[in-house]
Amino acid sequence: MTDDLTALALIGSLKPSPSPSSSEHLANQVLSALAQHGVTGSTLRLADHDIRPGVETDMGDGDQWPAIREQILAADILLIATPIWMGQTSSVTKRALERLDAELSETQEDGRPILFDKVAAVAVVGNEDGAHHVSAEVYQALNDVGYSFAPQAVTYWVGEAMGSVDYRDLPETPESVATTTATLARNTAHLARQLRAQHYPGE
């Protein structure tokens, strides 16, 4: 195995750096698991950047999405890590998904969508129910723009409803989360390596 794959984790925390983030904590665990399968990863906290509303690749006027987009396009794997707020993805996560809508009209030289042959995964944290709903929203949006998903490519932790314990404050990672994260990493890295070797066919 060679260390030839790269992953970018977009962190959907509403808190800018350097505030502690459970979403970032889980994302880092996913990246560590991916590293065991030859994937080099990095994180980017969306709240640290001025991402303008819209569905174009560049909304102008200081929009920082184009620089983020370059990192997304350079990565083999995109991980979306989001908290749950009111049963939904965070607002900054939704904005990133909206901006990715622009990729529907972007194509490669052979006419295929530019994000074909890229793989995605999802990580969700929260103190309320909604992990399946949130992952379903993110799955659908990313698949629409061209990303593929390996089997069981989501990991999540949901604490007690209206509870006060955050994922990052747990004394140890629950075994179920660690096992799910390991499965996500193993399957996602495998699919990414397969798609790099053999692309989806063109028209």
Foldseek 3Di string as FASTA:
>chain_A
DELPAEEEEEEADLDDPPDDDLLVVLVVLLQVLLVVVNYHYDYDYLNNAQADADQACDPDPRHPNVVVVVVVLVHQEYEYGAEADPLEGHPSSVRVLSNLNNQQPPADPLRHRSCFLHAYAYEYEEQDDRPVVHRVVVVVSVVSSHHDYFPLRYAYDYHHHVDDDGNVPDPDDPPVRSVSSNVNSVRRSVSSVVCVVPPDDGD
